[in-house]
Amino acid sequence: MTPSIELSPKTFGRLQSLAVPLVDTIETVINRLIDSYERSPVDVRNPVGPREHSNARSFNPNAAPDLTHSKVLGIVLDGQPLGQGKDNWNGLLNATVRLAKVKAK
């Protein structure tokens, strides 16, 4: 016998918003979410730092998106927040260069 589950209308609506109409079933949407979870570079079962409650995304560095009109809301580099006044693109670049210098020694 196949297990059955009950979903609240809110949860069902969230799943439905991720589905491709006339293609996906609830099972295919759930499988796609599980696949994405398993490929995630961050273990969401044991999150670290501010990323725990953020909408932070990871990108392939070889195919990074265009960041021309982006705004930095906060930066965590090597597990440490950069802090006020340094959480901008220049601050990230400077901190990354300093970190690379330390780790290269």
N, C-alpha and C. Protein backbone atom coordinates (compact mmCIF):
# COMPACT_ATOMS: atom_id res chain seq x y z
N MET A 1 0.84 -1.18 0.00
CA MET A 1 0.00 0.00 0.00
C MET A 1 0.89 1.25 0.00
N THR A 2 0.59 2.19 -0.84
CA THR A 2 1.34 3.43 -0.94
C THR A 2 0.97 4.35 0.22
N PRO A 3 1.97 4.92 0.90
CA PRO A 3 1.65 5.85 1.99
C PRO A 3 0.93 7.08 1.46
N SER A 4 0.05 7.61 2.25
CA SER A 4 -0.62 8.84 1.85
C SER A 4 -0.34 9.91 2.90
N ILE A 5 -0.30 11.15 2.46
CA ILE A 5 -0.07 12.26 3.37
C ILE A 5 -1.11 13.32 3.12
N GLU A 6 -1.37 14.12 4.14
CA GLU A 6 -2.28 15.24 3.99
C GLU A 6 -1.48 16.53 4.01
N LEU A 7 -1.80 17.43 3.10
CA LEU A 7 -1.14 18.72 3.03
C LEU A 7 -2.15 19.81 3.31
N SER A 8 -1.70 20.84 3.99
CA SER A 8 -2.58 22.00 4.20
C SER A 8 -2.75 22.69 2.85
N PRO A 9 -3.83 23.44 2.69
CA PRO A 9 -4.01 24.18 1.43
C PRO A 9 -2.84 25.12 1.13
N LYS A 10 -2.24 25.69 2.18
CA LYS A 10 -1.10 26.60 1.98
C LYS A 10 0.10 25.84 1.40
N THR A 11 0.41 24.67 1.99
CA THR A 11 1.53 23.85 1.51
C THR A 11 1.26 23.35 0.10
N PHE A 12 0.04 22.92 -0.16
CA PHE A 12 -0.31 22.45 -1.50
C PHE A 12 -0.15 23.59 -2.51
N GLY A 13 -0.56 24.78 -2.14
CA GLY A 13 -0.41 25.93 -3.02
C GLY A 13 1.04 26.24 -3.32
N ARG A 14 1.90 26.09 -2.29
CA ARG A 14 3.34 26.31 -2.50
C ARG A 14 3.91 25.28 -3.47
N LEU A 15 3.53 24.02 -3.30
CA LEU A 15 3.98 22.99 -4.23
C LEU A 15 3.46 23.26 -5.64
N GLN A 16 2.21 23.65 -5.71
CA GLN A 16 1.58 23.91 -7.01
C GLN A 16 2.28 25.06 -7.75
N SER A 17 2.77 26.05 -6.98
CA SER A 17 3.45 27.18 -7.62
C SER A 17 4.80 26.77 -8.23
N LEU A 18 5.34 25.64 -7.78
CA LEU A 18 6.62 25.15 -8.31
C LEU A 18 6.44 24.16 -9.45
N ALA A 19 5.20 23.79 -9.72
CA ALA A 19 4.93 22.77 -10.72
C ALA A 19 4.82 23.36 -12.13
N VAL A 20 5.20 22.54 -13.10
CA VAL A 20 5.01 22.90 -14.50
C VAL A 20 3.61 22.39 -14.89
N PRO A 21 2.70 23.29 -15.27
CA PRO A 21 1.34 22.88 -15.58
C PRO A 21 1.28 21.79 -16.66
N LEU A 22 0.42 20.83 -16.46
CA LEU A 22 0.17 19.72 -17.38
C LEU A 22 1.38 18.79 -17.55
N VAL A 23 2.41 18.95 -16.72
CA VAL A 23 3.59 18.10 -16.79
C VAL A 23 3.85 17.44 -15.44
N ASP A 24 3.92 18.26 -14.40
CA ASP A 24 4.29 17.77 -13.08
C ASP A 24 3.12 17.18 -12.30
N THR A 25 3.48 16.24 -11.45
CA THR A 25 2.57 15.74 -10.43
C THR A 25 3.14 16.19 -9.09
N ILE A 26 2.41 15.97 -8.03
CA ILE A 26 2.94 16.32 -6.71
C ILE A 26 4.24 15.57 -6.47
N GLU A 27 4.29 14.31 -6.87
CA GLU A 27 5.50 13.52 -6.66
C GLU A 27 6.69 14.06 -7.44
N THR A 28 6.51 14.50 -8.68
CA THR A 28 7.64 15.02 -9.45
C THR A 28 8.15 16.32 -8.84
N VAL A 29 7.25 17.16 -8.31
CA VAL A 29 7.68 18.41 -7.67
C VAL A 29 8.47 18.10 -6.40
N ILE A 30 7.97 17.17 -5.59
CA ILE A 30 8.67 16.79 -4.36
C ILE A 30 10.03 16.19 -4.70
N ASN A 31 10.10 15.34 -5.72
CA ASN A 31 11.38 14.75 -6.11
C ASN A 31 12.37 15.82 -6.57
N ARG A 32 11.89 16.82 -7.31
CA ARG A 32 12.76 17.90 -7.75
C ARG A 32 13.29 18.70 -6.55
N LEU A 33 12.44 18.94 -5.54
CA LEU A 33 12.87 19.63 -4.33
C LEU A 33 13.91 18.81 -3.57
N ILE A 34 13.69 17.50 -3.47
CA ILE A 34 14.65 16.63 -2.78
C ILE A 34 15.98 16.62 -3.53
N ASP A 35 15.93 16.54 -4.87
CA ASP A 35 17.16 16.57 -5.67
C ASP A 35 17.93 17.86 -5.42
N SER A 36 17.21 18.98 -5.40
CA SER A 36 17.85 20.27 -5.16
C SER A 36 18.46 20.31 -3.77
N TYR A 37 17.76 19.81 -2.79
CA TYR A 37 18.24 19.76 -1.42
C TYR A 37 19.52 18.94 -1.33
N GLU A 38 19.55 17.80 -1.99
CA GLU A 38 20.71 16.91 -1.93
C GLU A 38 21.92 17.50 -2.66
N ARG A 39 21.69 18.35 -3.66
CA ARG A 39 22.80 18.99 -4.40
C ARG A 39 23.29 20.25 -3.72
N SER A 40 22.57 20.73 -2.72
CA SER A 40 22.89 21.99 -2.07
C SER A 40 24.27 21.93 -1.43
N PRO A 41 25.10 22.99 -1.62
CA PRO A 41 26.43 23.00 -1.01
C PRO A 41 26.37 23.23 0.49
N VAL A 42 25.23 23.67 1.01
CA VAL A 42 25.08 23.94 2.43
C VAL A 42 24.19 22.87 3.04
N ASP A 43 24.63 22.28 4.13
CA ASP A 43 23.83 21.29 4.82
C ASP A 43 22.75 22.02 5.61
N VAL A 44 21.55 22.08 5.07
CA VAL A 44 20.48 22.84 5.71
C VAL A 44 20.02 22.20 7.01
N ARG A 45 20.44 20.98 7.27
CA ARG A 45 20.11 20.35 8.55
C ARG A 45 21.02 20.88 9.64
N ASN A 46 22.16 21.47 9.28
CA ASN A 46 23.10 22.01 10.24
C ASN A 46 23.65 23.33 9.73
N PRO A 47 22.79 24.34 9.58
CA PRO A 47 23.24 25.61 9.01
C PRO A 47 24.18 26.35 9.96
N VAL A 48 25.02 27.20 9.38
CA VAL A 48 25.99 27.95 10.16
C VAL A 48 25.77 29.43 9.93
N GLY A 49 25.72 30.21 10.98
CA GLY A 49 25.67 31.66 10.87
C GLY A 49 24.38 32.19 10.29
N PRO A 50 24.43 33.43 9.75
CA PRO A 50 23.24 34.12 9.31
C PRO A 50 22.55 33.45 8.14
N ARG A 51 23.23 32.54 7.46
CA ARG A 51 22.62 31.89 6.31
C ARG A 51 21.41 31.03 6.72
N GLU A 52 21.32 30.74 8.00
CA GLU A 52 20.27 29.90 8.53
C GLU A 52 18.89 30.41 8.14
N HIS A 53 18.67 31.72 8.19
CA HIS A 53 17.36 32.28 7.91
C HIS A 53 17.37 33.21 6.71
N SER A 54 18.33 33.05 5.83
CA SER A 54 18.44 33.97 4.70
C SER A 54 17.97 33.31 3.41
N ASN A 55 17.92 34.09 2.38
CA ASN A 55 17.59 33.60 1.05
C ASN A 55 18.85 33.55 0.20
N ALA A 56 20.00 33.35 0.84
CA ALA A 56 21.27 33.33 0.13
C ALA A 56 21.28 32.20 -0.89
N ARG A 57 21.85 32.48 -2.05
CA ARG A 57 21.97 31.48 -3.10
C ARG A 57 23.42 31.32 -3.48
N SER A 58 23.75 30.14 -3.96
CA SER A 58 25.09 29.87 -4.46
C SER A 58 25.05 29.78 -5.97
N PHE A 59 26.12 30.23 -6.61
CA PHE A 59 26.19 30.20 -8.06
C PHE A 59 27.48 29.53 -8.50
N ASN A 60 27.43 28.94 -9.67
CA ASN A 60 28.62 28.38 -10.27
C ASN A 60 29.55 29.54 -10.63
N PRO A 61 30.78 29.56 -10.12
CA PRO A 61 31.68 30.68 -10.41
C PRO A 61 32.06 30.78 -11.88
N ASN A 62 31.90 29.69 -12.62
CA ASN A 62 32.22 29.73 -14.05
C ASN A 62 31.07 30.25 -14.89
N ALA A 63 29.91 30.42 -14.27
CA ALA A 63 28.75 30.96 -14.97
C ALA A 63 27.98 31.89 -14.04
N ALA A 64 28.71 32.81 -13.42
CA ALA A 64 28.09 33.72 -12.45
C ALA A 64 27.11 34.66 -13.13
N PRO A 65 26.04 35.06 -12.44
CA PRO A 65 25.08 35.98 -13.03
C PRO A 65 25.65 37.40 -13.08
N ASP A 66 25.05 38.24 -13.89
CA ASP A 66 25.45 39.64 -14.00
C ASP A 66 25.04 40.35 -12.70
N LEU A 67 25.99 40.97 -12.03
CA LEU A 67 25.73 41.63 -10.75
C LEU A 67 25.71 43.15 -10.87
N THR A 68 25.60 43.66 -12.08
CA THR A 68 25.68 45.10 -12.33
C THR A 68 24.72 45.89 -11.45
N HIS A 69 23.48 45.46 -11.34
CA HIS A 69 22.48 46.22 -10.61
C HIS A 69 22.09 45.52 -9.30
N SER A 70 23.05 44.86 -8.69
CA SER A 70 22.75 44.15 -7.44
C SER A 70 23.18 44.97 -6.24
N LYS A 71 22.57 44.66 -5.11
CA LYS A 71 22.87 45.36 -3.87
C LYS A 71 23.26 44.31 -2.82
N VAL A 72 24.35 44.55 -2.15
CA VAL A 72 24.81 43.64 -1.11
C VAL A 72 24.05 43.95 0.18
N LEU A 73 23.42 42.92 0.76
CA LEU A 73 22.69 43.10 2.00
C LEU A 73 23.51 42.66 3.21
N GLY A 74 24.46 41.80 2.99
CA GLY A 74 25.32 41.31 4.07
C GLY A 74 26.27 40.28 3.50
N ILE A 75 27.43 40.14 4.11
CA ILE A 75 28.43 39.21 3.61
C ILE A 75 28.99 38.38 4.76
N VAL A 76 29.04 37.07 4.53
CA VAL A 76 29.72 36.16 5.44
C VAL A 76 30.82 35.50 4.63
N LEU A 77 32.07 35.72 5.02
CA LEU A 77 33.22 35.19 4.29
C LEU A 77 34.00 34.28 5.24
N ASP A 78 34.18 33.05 4.84
CA ASP A 78 34.91 32.07 5.65
C ASP A 78 34.27 31.93 7.03
N GLY A 79 32.94 32.00 7.07
CA GLY A 79 32.20 31.82 8.32
C GLY A 79 32.11 33.04 9.21
N GLN A 80 32.69 34.17 8.78
CA GLN A 80 32.68 35.38 9.60
C GLN A 80 32.00 36.52 8.84
N PRO A 81 31.07 37.25 9.50
CA PRO A 81 30.47 38.41 8.82
C PRO A 81 31.50 39.52 8.66
N LEU A 82 31.44 40.23 7.53
CA LEU A 82 32.40 41.32 7.30
C LEU A 82 32.10 42.51 8.19
N GLY A 83 30.86 42.75 8.47
CA GLY A 83 30.52 43.83 9.39
C GLY A 83 30.12 45.11 8.68
N GLN A 84 29.59 46.01 9.48
CA GLN A 84 29.09 47.30 9.01
C GLN A 84 30.19 48.10 8.33
N GLY A 85 29.87 48.69 7.21
CA GLY A 85 30.82 49.51 6.47
C GLY A 85 31.71 48.72 5.54
N LYS A 86 31.81 47.42 5.74
CA LYS A 86 32.63 46.58 4.87
C LYS A 86 31.77 45.65 4.02
N ASP A 87 30.46 45.68 4.24
CA ASP A 87 29.58 44.77 3.52
C ASP A 87 29.12 45.39 2.19
N ASN A 88 30.10 45.55 1.31
CA ASN A 88 29.85 46.02 -0.05
C ASN A 88 30.82 45.28 -0.97
N TRP A 89 30.71 45.52 -2.28
CA TRP A 89 31.54 44.77 -3.22
C TRP A 89 33.03 45.01 -2.98
N ASN A 90 33.43 46.26 -2.72
CA ASN A 90 34.85 46.54 -2.48
C ASN A 90 35.32 45.88 -1.18
N GLY A 91 34.50 45.92 -0.16
CA GLY A 91 34.86 45.27 1.09
C GLY A 91 35.04 43.77 0.91
N LEU A 92 34.17 43.16 0.10
CA LEU A 92 34.29 41.73 -0.18
C LEU A 92 35.59 41.43 -0.92
N LEU A 93 35.89 42.22 -1.93
CA LEU A 93 37.12 42.01 -2.70
C LEU A 93 38.35 42.15 -1.80
N ASN A 94 38.40 43.22 -1.00
CA ASN A 94 39.54 43.43 -0.11
C ASN A 94 39.68 42.30 0.90
N ALA A 95 38.59 41.89 1.51
CA ALA A 95 38.64 40.82 2.51
C ALA A 95 39.04 39.49 1.87
N THR A 96 38.58 39.24 0.65
CA THR A 96 38.93 38.00 -0.05
C THR A 96 40.42 37.97 -0.37
N VAL A 97 40.98 39.09 -0.81
CA VAL A 97 42.41 39.16 -1.10
C VAL A 97 43.23 38.95 0.17
N ARG A 98 42.81 39.60 1.28
CA ARG A 98 43.52 39.41 2.56
C ARG A 98 43.45 37.97 3.02
N LEU A 99 42.28 37.34 2.88
CA LEU A 99 42.10 35.95 3.29
C LEU A 99 42.96 35.03 2.42
N ALA A 100 42.99 35.29 1.12
CA ALA A 100 43.80 34.46 0.21
C ALA A 100 45.28 34.59 0.56
N LYS A 101 45.71 35.79 0.91
CA LYS A 101 47.11 36.01 1.28
C LYS A 101 47.47 35.21 2.53
N VAL A 102 46.59 35.23 3.52
CA VAL A 102 46.84 34.49 4.77
C VAL A 102 46.87 32.99 4.50
N LYS A 103 45.91 32.51 3.71
CA LYS A 103 45.81 31.06 3.46
C LYS A 103 46.90 30.56 2.52
N ALA A 104 47.47 31.47 1.72
CA ALA A 104 48.51 31.06 0.76
C ALA A 104 49.85 30.84 1.44
N LYS A 105 50.03 31.39 2.63
CA LYS A 105 51.32 31.27 3.32
C LYS A 105 51.51 29.90 3.90
